[in-house]
Amino acid sequence: MLIRLTPDYASPLHEQIAGAIRQGILEGSLVDGERLPAAKALGESLGVSLHTVLHAYQDLRGQGLIELRRGRGAVVTAPETASREHATRILDEAARQLAGLGLSTETTLALFRQRLDRGKAS
């Protein structure tokens, strides 16, 4: 797993770490049941604190992409390939339709997050 951090990027380091791992899960290079590096080891290899990596891992756990298991560390709980592919098709179609509305990416994402949050509350 290759993670590159850009310290001067607008996104915080823990979000960059989580994003790289999320991308690996969605692309299938990180598979269900695969153990992620220990937070301390990953932090040392990236030159960031243990807490930065733990923050990234906690974000991913909150998104249902990993489990944090005592004694086993962080383990990928990737959605099945068929589910991922189906979700991708839905999102592709939604993206095509939303692009035609002329909204900014930020506005579109904010609306999408709002709908997702509303869906979780139901």
PDB file of N, CA and C in Angstrom:
ATOM      1  N   MET A   1       0.851  -1.171   0.000  1.00  0.00           N
ATOM      2  CA  MET A   1       0.000   0.000   0.000  1.00  0.00           C
ATOM      3  C   MET A   1       0.895   1.231   0.000  1.00  0.00           C
ATOM      4  N   LEU A   2       0.702   2.064  -0.993  1.00  0.00           N
ATOM      5  CA  LEU A   2       1.492   3.280  -1.129  1.00  0.00           C
ATOM      6  C   LEU A   2       0.641   4.478  -0.733  1.00  0.00           C
ATOM      7  N   ILE A   3       1.136   5.226   0.241  1.00  0.00           N
ATOM      8  CA  ILE A   3       0.440   6.429   0.680  1.00  0.00           C
ATOM      9  C   ILE A   3       1.415   7.586   0.547  1.00  0.00           C
ATOM     10  N   ARG A   4       0.982   8.591  -0.180  1.00  0.00           N
ATOM     11  CA  ARG A   4       1.797   9.802  -0.315  1.00  0.00           C
ATOM     12  C   ARG A   4       1.059  10.951   0.335  1.00  0.00           C
ATOM     13  N   LEU A   5       1.741  11.650   1.207  1.00  0.00           N
ATOM     14  CA  LEU A   5       1.150  12.790   1.899  1.00  0.00           C
ATOM     15  C   LEU A   5       1.702  14.082   1.339  1.00  0.00           C
ATOM     16  N   THR A   6       0.849  15.078   1.307  1.00  0.00           N
ATOM     17  CA  THR A   6       1.243  16.414   0.873  1.00  0.00           C
ATOM     18  C   THR A   6       0.947  17.362   2.026  1.00  0.00           C
ATOM     19  N   PRO A   7       1.969  17.679   2.842  1.00  0.00           N
ATOM     20  CA  PRO A   7       1.743  18.493   4.042  1.00  0.00           C
ATOM     21  C   PRO A   7       1.106  19.853   3.764  1.00  0.00           C
ATOM     22  N   ASP A   8       1.389  20.460   2.627  1.00  0.00           N
ATOM     23  CA  ASP A   8       0.839  21.786   2.336  1.00  0.00           C
ATOM     24  C   ASP A   8      -0.504  21.721   1.599  1.00  0.00           C
ATOM     25  N   TYR A   9      -1.051  20.521   1.444  1.00  0.00           N
ATOM     26  CA  TYR A   9      -2.351  20.335   0.802  1.00  0.00           C
ATOM     27  C   TYR A   9      -3.439  20.804   1.762  1.00  0.00           C
ATOM     28  N   ALA A  10      -4.562  21.257   1.233  1.00  0.00           N
ATOM     29  CA  ALA A  10      -5.646  21.789   2.061  1.00  0.00           C
ATOM     30  C   ALA A  10      -6.251  20.733   2.984  1.00  0.00           C
ATOM     31  N   SER A  11      -6.192  19.483   2.587  1.00  0.00           N
ATOM     32  CA  SER A  11      -6.767  18.396   3.369  1.00  0.00           C
ATOM     33  C   SER A  11      -5.816  17.995   4.498  1.00  0.00           C
ATOM     34  N   PRO A  12      -6.328  17.826   5.736  1.00  0.00           N
ATOM     35  CA  PRO A  12      -5.471  17.394   6.850  1.00  0.00           C
ATOM     36  C   PRO A  12      -4.829  16.035   6.568  1.00  0.00           C
ATOM     37  N   LEU A  13      -3.713  15.778   7.231  1.00  0.00           N
ATOM     38  CA  LEU A  13      -2.962  14.545   6.992  1.00  0.00           C
ATOM     39  C   LEU A  13      -3.803  13.301   7.271  1.00  0.00           C
ATOM     40  N   HIS A  14      -4.594  13.300   8.345  1.00  0.00           N
ATOM     41  CA  HIS A  14      -5.390  12.103   8.642  1.00  0.00           C
ATOM     42  C   HIS A  14      -6.409  11.837   7.529  1.00  0.00           C
ATOM     43  N   GLU A  15      -6.934  12.895   6.908  1.00  0.00           N
ATOM     44  CA  GLU A  15      -7.866  12.708   5.794  1.00  0.00           C
ATOM     45  C   GLU A  15      -7.148  12.181   4.556  1.00  0.00           C
ATOM     46  N   GLN A  16      -5.910  12.603   4.355  1.00  0.00           N
ATOM     47  CA  GLN A  16      -5.133  12.090   3.217  1.00  0.00           C
ATOM     48  C   GLN A  16      -4.853  10.602   3.398  1.00  0.00           C
ATOM     49  N   ILE A  17      -4.515  10.206   4.631  1.00  0.00           N
ATOM     50  CA  ILE A  17      -4.251   8.792   4.919  1.00  0.00           C
ATOM     51  C   ILE A  17      -5.522   7.982   4.710  1.00  0.00           C
ATOM     52  N   ALA A  18      -6.611   8.442   5.301  1.00  0.00           N
ATOM     53  CA  ALA A  18      -7.886   7.736   5.161  1.00  0.00           C
ATOM     54  C   ALA A  18      -8.295   7.663   3.691  1.00  0.00           C
ATOM     55  N   GLY A  19      -8.094   8.741   2.950  1.00  0.00           N
ATOM     56  CA  GLY A  19      -8.453   8.761   1.533  1.00  0.00           C
ATOM     57  C   GLY A  19      -7.668   7.747   0.721  1.00  0.00           C
ATOM     58  N   ALA A  20      -6.382   7.625   1.013  1.00  0.00           N
ATOM     59  CA  ALA A  20      -5.553   6.662   0.280  1.00  0.00           C
ATOM     60  C   ALA A  20      -5.995   5.232   0.579  1.00  0.00           C
ATOM     61  N   ILE A  21      -6.297   4.954   1.837  1.00  0.00           N
ATOM     62  CA  ILE A  21      -6.750   3.612   2.203  1.00  0.00           C
ATOM     63  C   ILE A  21      -8.131   3.346   1.607  1.00  0.00           C
ATOM     64  N   ARG A  22      -9.023   4.326   1.684  1.00  0.00           N
ATOM     65  CA  ARG A  22     -10.362   4.191   1.105  1.00  0.00           C
ATOM     66  C   ARG A  22     -10.264   3.884  -0.386  1.00  0.00           C
ATOM     67  N   GLN A  23      -9.386   4.599  -1.081  1.00  0.00           N
ATOM     68  CA  GLN A  23      -9.194   4.377  -2.516  1.00  0.00           C
ATOM     69  C   GLN A  23      -8.719   2.954  -2.775  1.00  0.00           C
ATOM     70  N   GLY A  24      -7.790   2.474  -1.958  1.00  0.00           N
ATOM     71  CA  GLY A  24      -7.311   1.101  -2.109  1.00  0.00           C
ATOM     72  C   GLY A  24      -8.416   0.076  -1.915  1.00  0.00           C
ATOM     73  N   ILE A  25      -9.300   0.341  -0.968  1.00  0.00           N
ATOM     74  CA  ILE A  25     -10.426  -0.563  -0.723  1.00  0.00           C
ATOM     75  C   ILE A  25     -11.388  -0.525  -1.904  1.00  0.00           C
ATOM     76  N   LEU A  26     -11.714   0.666  -2.375  1.00  0.00           N
ATOM     77  CA  LEU A  26     -12.671   0.791  -3.472  1.00  0.00           C
ATOM     78  C   LEU A  26     -12.132   0.245  -4.783  1.00  0.00           C
ATOM     79  N   GLU A  27     -10.826   0.352  -4.980  1.00  0.00           N
ATOM     80  CA  GLU A  27     -10.207  -0.181  -6.201  1.00  0.00           C
ATOM     81  C   GLU A  27      -9.979  -1.685  -6.117  1.00  0.00           C
ATOM     82  N   GLY A  28     -10.060  -2.225  -4.896  1.00  0.00           N
ATOM     83  CA  GLY A  28      -9.857  -3.657  -4.716  1.00  0.00           C
ATOM     84  C   GLY A  28      -8.433  -4.070  -4.428  1.00  0.00           C
ATOM     85  N   SER A  29      -7.509  -3.116  -4.279  1.00  0.00           N
ATOM     86  CA  SER A  29      -6.131  -3.499  -3.943  1.00  0.00           C
ATOM     87  C   SER A  29      -6.001  -3.837  -2.459  1.00  0.00           C
ATOM     88  N   LEU A  30      -6.950  -3.389  -1.653  1.00  0.00           N
ATOM     89  CA  LEU A  30      -7.063  -3.811  -0.255  1.00  0.00           C
ATOM     90  C   LEU A  30      -8.366  -4.592  -0.159  1.00  0.00           C
ATOM     91  N   VAL A  31      -8.276  -5.831   0.289  1.00  0.00           N
ATOM     92  CA  VAL A  31      -9.436  -6.719   0.242  1.00  0.00           C
ATOM     93  C   VAL A  31      -9.966  -7.036   1.635  1.00  0.00           C
ATOM     94  N   ASP A  32     -11.187  -7.505   1.656  1.00  0.00           N
ATOM     95  CA  ASP A  32     -11.851  -7.874   2.893  1.00  0.00           C
ATOM     96  C   ASP A  32     -10.979  -8.841   3.702  1.00  0.00           C
ATOM     97  N   GLY A  33     -10.800  -8.525   4.972  1.00  0.00           N
ATOM     98  CA  GLY A  33     -10.010  -9.368   5.859  1.00  0.00           C
ATOM     99  C   GLY A  33      -8.532  -9.019   5.917  1.00  0.00           C
ATOM    100  N   GLU A  34      -8.079  -8.160   5.027  1.00  0.00           N
ATOM    101  CA  GLU A  34      -6.663  -7.787   5.000  1.00  0.00           C
ATOM    102  C   GLU A  34      -6.335  -6.873   6.180  1.00  0.00           C
ATOM    103  N   ARG A  35      -5.214  -7.159   6.819  1.00  0.00           N
ATOM    104  CA  ARG A  35      -4.769  -6.329   7.939  1.00  0.00           C
ATOM    105  C   ARG A  35      -4.006  -5.124   7.418  1.00  0.00           C
ATOM    106  N   LEU A  36      -4.319  -3.973   7.981  1.00  0.00           N
ATOM    107  CA  LEU A  36      -3.585  -2.752   7.664  1.00  0.00           C
ATOM    108  C   LEU A  36      -2.360  -2.692   8.567  1.00  0.00           C
ATOM    109  N   PRO A  37      -1.362  -1.898   8.187  1.00  0.00           N
ATOM    110  CA  PRO A  37      -0.181  -1.777   9.032  1.00  0.00           C
ATOM    111  C   PRO A  37      -0.562  -1.248  10.421  1.00  0.00           C
ATOM    112  N   ALA A  38       0.209  -1.646  11.417  1.00  0.00           N
ATOM    113  CA  ALA A  38       0.007  -1.111  12.764  1.00  0.00           C
ATOM    114  C   ALA A  38       0.118   0.407  12.687  1.00  0.00           C
ATOM    115  N   ALA A  39      -0.712   1.096  13.453  1.00  0.00           N
ATOM    116  CA  ALA A  39      -0.748   2.561  13.414  1.00  0.00           C
ATOM    117  C   ALA A  39       0.623   3.162  13.697  1.00  0.00           C
ATOM    118  N   LYS A  40       1.330   2.599  14.660  1.00  0.00           N
ATOM    119  CA  LYS A  40       2.651   3.128  15.008  1.00  0.00           C
ATOM    120  C   LYS A  40       3.620   2.976  13.836  1.00  0.00           C
ATOM    121  N   ALA A  41       3.634   1.799  13.220  1.00  0.00           N
ATOM    122  CA  ALA A  41       4.537   1.545  12.094  1.00  0.00           C
ATOM    123  C   ALA A  41       4.187   2.431  10.904  1.00  0.00           C
ATOM    124  N   LEU A  42       2.897   2.576  10.609  1.00  0.00           N
ATOM    125  CA  LEU A  42       2.495   3.413   9.482  1.00  0.00           C
ATOM    126  C   LEU A  42       2.853   4.867   9.752  1.00  0.00           C
ATOM    127  N   GLY A  43       2.617   5.319  10.971  1.00  0.00           N
ATOM    128  CA  GLY A  43       2.977   6.692  11.338  1.00  0.00           C
ATOM    129  C   GLY A  43       4.459   6.952  11.153  1.00  0.00           C
ATOM    130  N   GLU A  44       5.284   6.005  11.606  1.00  0.00           N
ATOM    131  CA  GLU A  44       6.736   6.160  11.462  1.00  0.00           C
ATOM    132  C   GLU A  44       7.147   6.189   9.999  1.00  0.00           C
ATOM    133  N   SER A  45       6.547   5.326   9.180  1.00  0.00           N
ATOM    134  CA  SER A  45       6.927   5.283   7.761  1.00  0.00           C
ATOM    135  C   SER A  45       6.491   6.542   7.018  1.00  0.00           C
ATOM    136  N   LEU A  46       5.405   7.169   7.490  1.00  0.00           N
ATOM    137  CA  LEU A  46       4.909   8.385   6.837  1.00  0.00           C
ATOM    138  C   LEU A  46       5.444   9.662   7.473  1.00  0.00           C
ATOM    139  N   GLY A  47       6.093   9.521   8.619  1.00  0.00           N
ATOM    140  CA  GLY A  47       6.614  10.692   9.312  1.00  0.00           C
ATOM    141  C   GLY A  47       5.532  11.508  10.006  1.00  0.00           C
ATOM    142  N   VAL A  48       4.476  10.814  10.457  1.00  0.00           N
ATOM    143  CA  VAL A  48       3.404  11.485  11.191  1.00  0.00           C
ATOM    144  C   VAL A  48       3.222  10.788  12.535  1.00  0.00           C
ATOM    145  N   SER A  49       2.439  11.406  13.398  1.00  0.00           N
ATOM    146  CA  SER A  49       2.246  10.830  14.724  1.00  0.00           C
ATOM    147  C   SER A  49       1.303   9.632  14.684  1.00  0.00           C
ATOM    148  N   LEU A  50       1.432   8.819  15.694  1.00  0.00           N
ATOM    149  CA  LEU A  50       0.539   7.681  15.891  1.00  0.00           C
ATOM    150  C   LEU A  50      -0.912   8.161  15.924  1.00  0.00           C
ATOM    151  N   HIS A  51      -1.152   9.293  16.558  1.00  0.00           N
ATOM    152  CA  HIS A  51      -2.513   9.813  16.696  1.00  0.00           C
ATOM    153  C   HIS A  51      -3.117  10.216  15.353  1.00  0.00           C
ATOM    154  N   THR A  52      -2.289  10.689  14.434  1.00  0.00           N
ATOM    155  CA  THR A  52      -2.772  11.045  13.098  1.00  0.00           C
ATOM    156  C   THR A  52      -3.280   9.797  12.384  1.00  0.00           C
ATOM    157  N   VAL A  53      -2.524   8.716  12.466  1.00  0.00           N
ATOM    158  CA  VAL A  53      -2.927   7.458  11.831  1.00  0.00           C
ATOM    159  C   VAL A  53      -4.175   6.900  12.514  1.00  0.00           C
ATOM    160  N   LEU A  54      -4.204   6.944  13.850  1.00  0.00           N
ATOM    161  CA  LEU A  54      -5.378   6.452  14.569  1.00  0.00           C
ATOM    162  C   LEU A  54      -6.627   7.238  14.203  1.00  0.00           C
ATOM    163  N   HIS A  55      -6.472   8.547  13.999  1.00  0.00           N
ATOM    164  CA  HIS A  55      -7.602   9.378  13.577  1.00  0.00           C
ATOM    165  C   HIS A  55      -8.111   8.904  12.214  1.00  0.00           C
ATOM    166  N   ALA A  56      -7.192   8.636  11.295  1.00  0.00           N
ATOM    167  CA  ALA A  56      -7.570   8.126   9.969  1.00  0.00           C
ATOM    168  C   ALA A  56      -8.287   6.784  10.104  1.00  0.00           C
ATOM    169  N   TYR A  57      -7.747   5.886  10.919  1.00  0.00           N
ATOM    170  CA  TYR A  57      -8.350   4.570  11.115  1.00  0.00           C
ATOM    171  C   TYR A  57      -9.745   4.704  11.734  1.00  0.00           C
ATOM    172  N   GLN A  58      -9.906   5.619  12.673  1.00  0.00           N
ATOM    173  CA  GLN A  58     -11.221   5.814  13.294  1.00  0.00           C
ATOM    174  C   GLN A  58     -12.229   6.355  12.285  1.00  0.00           C
ATOM    175  N   ASP A  59     -11.781   7.246  11.406  1.00  0.00           N
ATOM    176  CA  ASP A  59     -12.664   7.751  10.346  1.00  0.00           C
ATOM    177  C   ASP A  59     -13.126   6.603   9.443  1.00  0.00           C
ATOM    178  N   LEU A  60     -12.189   5.747   9.064  1.00  0.00           N
ATOM    179  CA  LEU A  60     -12.515   4.609   8.197  1.00  0.00           C
ATOM    180  C   LEU A  60     -13.439   3.622   8.909  1.00  0.00           C
ATOM    181  N   ARG A  61     -13.235   3.440  10.198  1.00  0.00           N
ATOM    182  CA  ARG A  61     -14.132   2.576  10.974  1.00  0.00           C
ATOM    183  C   ARG A  61     -15.540   3.162  10.977  1.00  0.00           C
ATOM    184  N   GLY A  62     -15.633   4.470  11.155  1.00  0.00           N
ATOM    185  CA  GLY A  62     -16.923   5.139  11.146  1.00  0.00           C
ATOM    186  C   GLY A  62     -17.642   5.009   9.810  1.00  0.00           C
ATOM    187  N   GLN A  63     -16.880   4.845   8.737  1.00  0.00           N
ATOM    188  CA  GLN A  63     -17.449   4.678   7.397  1.00  0.00           C
ATOM    189  C   GLN A  63     -17.735   3.212   7.081  1.00  0.00           C
ATOM    190  N   GLY A  64     -17.414   2.330   8.031  1.00  0.00           N
ATOM    191  CA  GLY A  64     -17.677   0.909   7.829  1.00  0.00           C
ATOM    192  C   GLY A  64     -16.693   0.215   6.907  1.00  0.00           C
ATOM    193  N   LEU A  65     -15.531   0.828   6.682  1.00  0.00           N
ATOM    194  CA  LEU A  65     -14.550   0.240   5.766  1.00  0.00           C
ATOM    195  C   LEU A  65     -13.496  -0.604   6.463  1.00  0.00           C
ATOM    196  N   ILE A  66     -13.308  -0.387   7.756  1.00  0.00           N
ATOM    197  CA  ILE A  66     -12.370  -1.211   8.519  1.00  0.00           C
ATOM    198  C   ILE A  66     -12.973  -1.491   9.891  1.00  0.00           C
ATOM    199  N   GLU A  67     -12.451  -2.522  10.524  1.00  0.00           N
ATOM    200  CA  GLU A  67     -12.750  -2.809  11.917  1.00  0.00           C
ATOM    201  C   GLU A  67     -11.455  -2.648  12.693  1.00  0.00           C
ATOM    202  N   LEU A  68     -11.559  -2.136  13.897  1.00  0.00           N
ATOM    203  CA  LEU A  68     -10.406  -2.056  14.778  1.00  0.00           C
ATOM    204  C   LEU A  68     -10.586  -3.143  15.830  1.00  0.00           C
ATOM    205  N   ARG A  69      -9.697  -4.132  15.773  1.00  0.00           N
ATOM    206  CA  ARG A  69      -9.818  -5.301  16.648  1.00  0.00           C
ATOM    207  C   ARG A  69      -8.651  -5.349  17.620  1.00  0.00           C
ATOM    208  N   ARG A  70      -8.986  -5.477  18.877  1.00  0.00           N
ATOM    209  CA  ARG A  70      -7.951  -5.572  19.906  1.00  0.00           C
ATOM    210  C   ARG A  70      -7.073  -6.791  19.623  1.00  0.00           C
ATOM    211  N   GLY A  71      -5.794  -6.558  19.579  1.00  0.00           N
ATOM    212  CA  GLY A  71      -4.850  -7.643  19.335  1.00  0.00           C
ATOM    213  C   GLY A  71      -4.609  -7.949  17.871  1.00  0.00           C
ATOM    214  N   ARG A  72      -5.502  -7.500  16.981  1.00  0.00           N
ATOM    215  CA  ARG A  72      -5.334  -7.755  15.543  1.00  0.00           C
ATOM    216  C   ARG A  72      -5.121  -6.476  14.760  1.00  0.00           C
ATOM    217  N   GLY A  73      -5.426  -5.348  15.352  1.00  0.00           N
ATOM    218  CA  GLY A  73      -5.245  -4.077  14.673  1.00  0.00           C
ATOM    219  C   GLY A  73      -6.399  -3.748  13.747  1.00  0.00           C
ATOM    220  N   ALA A  74      -6.077  -3.022  12.693  1.00  0.00           N
ATOM    221  CA  ALA A  74      -7.082  -2.576  11.732  1.00  0.00           C
ATOM    222  C   ALA A  74      -7.219  -3.610  10.619  1.00  0.00           C
ATOM    223  N   VAL A  75      -8.462  -4.023  10.368  1.00  0.00           N
ATOM    224  CA  VAL A  75      -8.743  -5.044   9.373  1.00  0.00           C
ATOM    225  C   VAL A  75      -9.788  -4.505   8.391  1.00  0.00           C
ATOM    226  N   VAL A  76      -9.526  -4.667   7.104  1.00  0.00           N
ATOM    227  CA  VAL A  76     -10.429  -4.184   6.058  1.00  0.00           C
ATOM    228  C   VAL A  76     -11.737  -4.981   6.084  1.00  0.00           C
ATOM    229  N   THR A  77     -12.840  -4.261   6.011  1.00  0.00           N
ATOM    230  CA  THR A  77     -14.164  -4.884   5.876  1.00  0.00           C
ATOM    231  C   THR A  77     -14.799  -4.307   4.616  1.00  0.00           C
ATOM    232  N   ALA A  78     -14.183  -4.615   3.506  1.00  0.00           N
ATOM    233  CA  ALA A  78     -14.583  -4.045   2.214  1.00  0.00           C
ATOM    234  C   ALA A  78     -15.938  -4.572   1.779  1.00  0.00           C
ATOM    235  N   PRO A  79     -16.706  -3.696   1.141  1.00  0.00           N
ATOM    236  CA  PRO A  79     -17.959  -4.184   0.563  1.00  0.00           C
ATOM    237  C   PRO A  79     -17.639  -5.167  -0.559  1.00  0.00           C
ATOM    238  N   GLU A  80     -18.551  -6.082  -0.803  1.00  0.00           N
ATOM    239  CA  GLU A  80     -18.338  -7.057  -1.868  1.00  0.00           C
ATOM    240  C   GLU A  80     -18.232  -6.355  -3.217  1.00  0.00           C
ATOM    241  N   THR A  81     -17.498  -6.962  -4.119  1.00  0.00           N
ATOM    242  CA  THR A  81     -17.259  -6.376  -5.434  1.00  0.00           C
ATOM    243  C   THR A  81     -18.563  -6.045  -6.151  1.00  0.00           C
ATOM    244  N   ALA A  82     -19.540  -6.944  -6.089  1.00  0.00           N
ATOM    245  CA  ALA A  82     -20.809  -6.694  -6.780  1.00  0.00           C
ATOM    246  C   ALA A  82     -21.488  -5.454  -6.213  1.00  0.00           C
ATOM    247  N   SER A  83     -21.457  -5.285  -4.909  1.00  0.00           N
ATOM    248  CA  SER A  83     -22.065  -4.103  -4.284  1.00  0.00           C
ATOM    249  C   SER A  83     -21.331  -2.841  -4.702  1.00  0.00           C
ATOM    250  N   ARG A  84     -20.006  -2.918  -4.728  1.00  0.00           N
ATOM    251  CA  ARG A  84     -19.189  -1.764  -5.137  1.00  0.00           C
ATOM    252  C   ARG A  84     -19.498  -1.377  -6.569  1.00  0.00           C
ATOM    253  N   GLU A  85     -19.572  -2.368  -7.446  1.00  0.00           N
ATOM    254  CA  GLU A  85     -19.836  -2.091  -8.859  1.00  0.00           C
ATOM    255  C   GLU A  85     -21.235  -1.509  -9.049  1.00  0.00           C
ATOM    256  N   HIS A  86     -22.216  -2.027  -8.332  1.00  0.00           N
ATOM    257  CA  HIS A  86     -23.575  -1.507  -8.427  1.00  0.00           C
ATOM    258  C   HIS A  86     -23.621  -0.062  -7.937  1.00  0.00           C
ATOM    259  N   ALA A  87     -22.964   0.203  -6.806  1.00  0.00           N
ATOM    260  CA  ALA A  87     -22.915   1.567  -6.267  1.00  0.00           C
ATOM    261  C   ALA A  87     -22.237   2.506  -7.258  1.00  0.00           C
ATOM    262  N   THR A  88     -21.189   2.039  -7.908  1.00  0.00           N
ATOM    263  CA  THR A  88     -20.480   2.859  -8.886  1.00  0.00           C
ATOM    264  C   THR A  88     -21.379   3.219 -10.059  1.00  0.00           C
ATOM    265  N   ARG A  89     -22.161   2.264 -10.528  1.00  0.00           N
ATOM    266  CA  ARG A  89     -23.085   2.547 -11.640  1.00  0.00           C
ATOM    267  C   ARG A  89     -24.127   3.590 -11.231  1.00  0.00           C
ATOM    268  N   ILE A  90     -24.654   3.466 -10.026  1.00  0.00           N
ATOM    269  CA  ILE A  90     -25.635   4.442  -9.530  1.00  0.00           C
ATOM    270  C   ILE A  90     -25.005   5.830  -9.450  1.00  0.00           C
ATOM    271  N   LEU A  91     -23.798   5.889  -8.900  1.00  0.00           N
ATOM    272  CA  LEU A  91     -23.120   7.182  -8.756  1.00  0.00           C
ATOM    273  C   LEU A  91     -22.743   7.786 -10.106  1.00  0.00           C
ATOM    274  N   ASP A  92     -22.335   6.944 -11.044  1.00  0.00           N
ATOM    275  CA  ASP A  92     -22.008   7.453 -12.383  1.00  0.00           C
ATOM    276  C   ASP A  92     -23.219   8.116 -13.021  1.00  0.00           C
ATOM    277  N   GLU A  93     -24.356   7.462 -12.918  1.00  0.00           N
ATOM    278  CA  GLU A  93     -25.579   8.025 -13.492  1.00  0.00           C
ATOM    279  C   GLU A  93     -25.969   9.321 -12.779  1.00  0.00           C
ATOM    280  N   ALA A  94     -25.887   9.316 -11.456  1.00  0.00           N
ATOM    281  CA  ALA A  94     -26.208  10.535 -10.704  1.00  0.00           C
ATOM    282  C   ALA A  94     -25.251  11.665 -11.067  1.00  0.00           C
ATOM    283  N   ALA A  95     -23.971  11.353 -11.225  1.00  0.00           N
ATOM    284  CA  ALA A  95     -22.985  12.376 -11.576  1.00  0.00           C
ATOM    285  C   ALA A  95     -23.292  12.981 -12.944  1.00  0.00           C
ATOM    286  N   ARG A  96     -23.684  12.146 -13.904  1.00  0.00           N
ATOM    287  CA  ARG A  96     -24.041  12.645 -15.240  1.00  0.00           C
ATOM    288  C   ARG A  96     -25.236  13.605 -15.156  1.00  0.00           C
ATOM    289  N   GLN A  97     -26.231  13.218 -14.395  1.00  0.00           N
ATOM    290  CA  GLN A  97     -27.419  14.063 -14.269  1.00  0.00           C
ATOM    291  C   GLN A  97     -27.106  15.357 -13.516  1.00  0.00           C
ATOM    292  N   LEU A  98     -26.342  15.270 -12.453  1.00  0.00           N
ATOM    293  CA  LEU A  98     -26.021  16.460 -11.655  1.00  0.00           C
ATOM    294  C   LEU A  98     -25.124  17.435 -12.414  1.00  0.00           C
ATOM    295  N   ALA A  99     -24.250  16.908 -13.256  1.00  0.00           N
ATOM    296  CA  ALA A  99     -23.365  17.782 -14.036  1.00  0.00           C
ATOM    297  C   ALA A  99     -24.179  18.716 -14.918  1.00  0.00           C
ATOM    298  N   GLY A 100     -25.320  18.258 -15.377  1.00  0.00           N
ATOM    299  CA  GLY A 100     -26.174  19.069 -16.234  1.00  0.00           C
ATOM    300  C   GLY A 100     -26.876  20.209 -15.504  1.00  0.00           C
ATOM    301  N   LEU A 101     -26.868  20.195 -14.187  1.00  0.00           N
ATOM    302  CA  LEU A 101     -27.544  21.243 -13.416  1.00  0.00           C
ATOM    303  C   LEU A 101     -26.692  22.490 -13.230  1.00  0.00           C
ATOM    304  N   GLY A 102     -25.397  22.362 -13.475  1.00  0.00           N
ATOM    305  CA  GLY A 102     -24.512  23.520 -13.361  1.00  0.00           C
ATOM    306  C   GLY A 102     -24.118  23.882 -11.937  1.00  0.00           C
ATOM    307  N   LEU A 103     -24.362  23.006 -10.974  1.00  0.00           N
ATOM    308  CA  LEU A 103     -23.952  23.277  -9.599  1.00  0.00           C
ATOM    309  C   LEU A 103     -22.459  23.032  -9.431  1.00  0.00           C
ATOM    310  N   SER A 104     -21.856  23.726  -8.500  1.00  0.00           N
ATOM    311  CA  SER A 104     -20.436  23.485  -8.229  1.00  0.00           C
ATOM    312  C   SER A 104     -20.276  22.111  -7.590  1.00  0.00           C
ATOM    313  N   THR A 105     -19.081  21.569  -7.677  1.00  0.00           N
ATOM    314  CA  THR A 105     -18.789  20.277  -7.061  1.00  0.00           C
ATOM    315  C   THR A 105     -19.042  20.346  -5.563  1.00  0.00           C
ATOM    316  N   GLU A 106     -18.627  21.436  -4.929  1.00  0.00           N
ATOM    317  CA  GLU A 106     -18.796  21.588  -3.483  1.00  0.00           C
ATOM    318  C   GLU A 106     -20.274  21.563  -3.099  1.00  0.00           C
ATOM    319  N   THR A 107     -21.099  22.258  -3.869  1.00  0.00           N
ATOM    320  CA  THR A 107     -22.542  22.293  -3.584  1.00  0.00           C
ATOM    321  C   THR A 107     -23.158  20.914  -3.772  1.00  0.00           C
ATOM    322  N   THR A 108     -22.774  20.251  -4.851  1.00  0.00           N
ATOM    323  CA  THR A 108     -23.294  18.911  -5.120  1.00  0.00           C
ATOM    324  C   THR A 108     -22.912  17.950  -4.002  1.00  0.00           C
ATOM    325  N   LEU A 109     -21.650  17.988  -3.573  1.00  0.00           N
ATOM    326  CA  LEU A 109     -21.207  17.102  -2.491  1.00  0.00           C
ATOM    327  C   LEU A 109     -21.924  17.420  -1.186  1.00  0.00           C
ATOM    328  N   ALA A 110     -22.128  18.705  -0.898  1.00  0.00           N
ATOM    329  CA  ALA A 110     -22.831  19.093   0.320  1.00  0.00           C
ATOM    330  C   ALA A 110     -24.262  18.563   0.306  1.00  0.00           C
ATOM    331  N   LEU A 111     -24.929  18.669  -0.832  1.00  0.00           N
ATOM    332  CA  LEU A 111     -26.287  18.141  -0.957  1.00  0.00           C
ATOM    333  C   LEU A 111     -26.301  16.621  -0.790  1.00  0.00           C
ATOM    334  N   PHE A 112     -25.327  15.969  -1.374  1.00  0.00           N
ATOM    335  CA  PHE A 112     -25.242  14.512  -1.278  1.00  0.00           C
ATOM    336  C   PHE A 112     -25.011  14.079   0.168  1.00  0.00           C
ATOM    337  N   ARG A 113     -24.080  14.746   0.852  1.00  0.00           N
ATOM    338  CA  ARG A 113     -23.823  14.421   2.260  1.00  0.00           C
ATOM    339  C   ARG A 113     -25.073  14.623   3.102  1.00  0.00           C
ATOM    340  N   GLN A 114     -25.798  15.701   2.825  1.00  0.00           N
ATOM    341  CA  GLN A 114     -27.030  15.990   3.561  1.00  0.00           C
ATOM    342  C   GLN A 114     -28.033  14.845   3.381  1.00  0.00           C
ATOM    343  N   ARG A 115     -28.158  14.368   2.151  1.00  0.00           N
ATOM    344  CA  ARG A 115     -29.086  13.273   1.880  1.00  0.00           C
ATOM    345  C   ARG A 115     -28.623  11.983   2.545  1.00  0.00           C
ATOM    346  N   LEU A 116     -27.332  11.733   2.529  1.00  0.00           N
ATOM    347  CA  LEU A 116     -26.812  10.534   3.187  1.00  0.00           C
ATOM    348  C   LEU A 116     -27.078  10.586   4.673  1.00  0.00           C
ATOM    349  N   ASP A 117     -26.841  11.746   5.285  1.00  0.00           N
ATOM    350  CA  ASP A 117     -27.077  11.901   6.715  1.00  0.00           C
ATOM    351  C   ASP A 117     -28.559  11.712   7.040  1.00  0.00           C
ATOM    352  N   ARG A 118     -29.412  12.238   6.176  1.00  0.00           N
ATOM    353  CA  ARG A 118     -30.853  12.080   6.369  1.00  0.00           C
ATOM    354  C   ARG A 118     -31.238  10.611   6.257  1.00  0.00           C
ATOM    355  N   GLY A 119     -30.598   9.901   5.333  1.00  0.00           N
ATOM    356  CA  GLY A 119     -30.866   8.468   5.171  1.00  0.00           C
ATOM    357  C   GLY A 119     -30.443   7.648   6.360  1.00  0.00           C
ATOM    358  N   LYS A 120     -29.348   8.038   7.007  1.00  0.00           N
ATOM    359  CA  LYS A 120     -28.873   7.311   8.199  1.00  0.00           C
ATOM    360  C   LYS A 120     -29.822   7.502   9.367  1.00  0.00           C
ATOM    361  N   ALA A 121     -30.450   8.678   9.442  1.00  0.00           N
ATOM    362  CA  ALA A 121     -31.346   8.981  10.547  1.00  0.00           C
ATOM    363  C   ALA A 121     -32.672   8.241  10.421  1.00  0.00           C
ATOM    364  N   SER A 122     -32.993   7.774   9.225  1.00  0.00           N
ATOM    365  CA  SER A 122     -34.285   7.091   9.012  1.00  0.00           C
ATOM    366  C   SER A 122     -34.294   5.705   9.592  1.00  0.00           C
TER     367      SER A 122
END
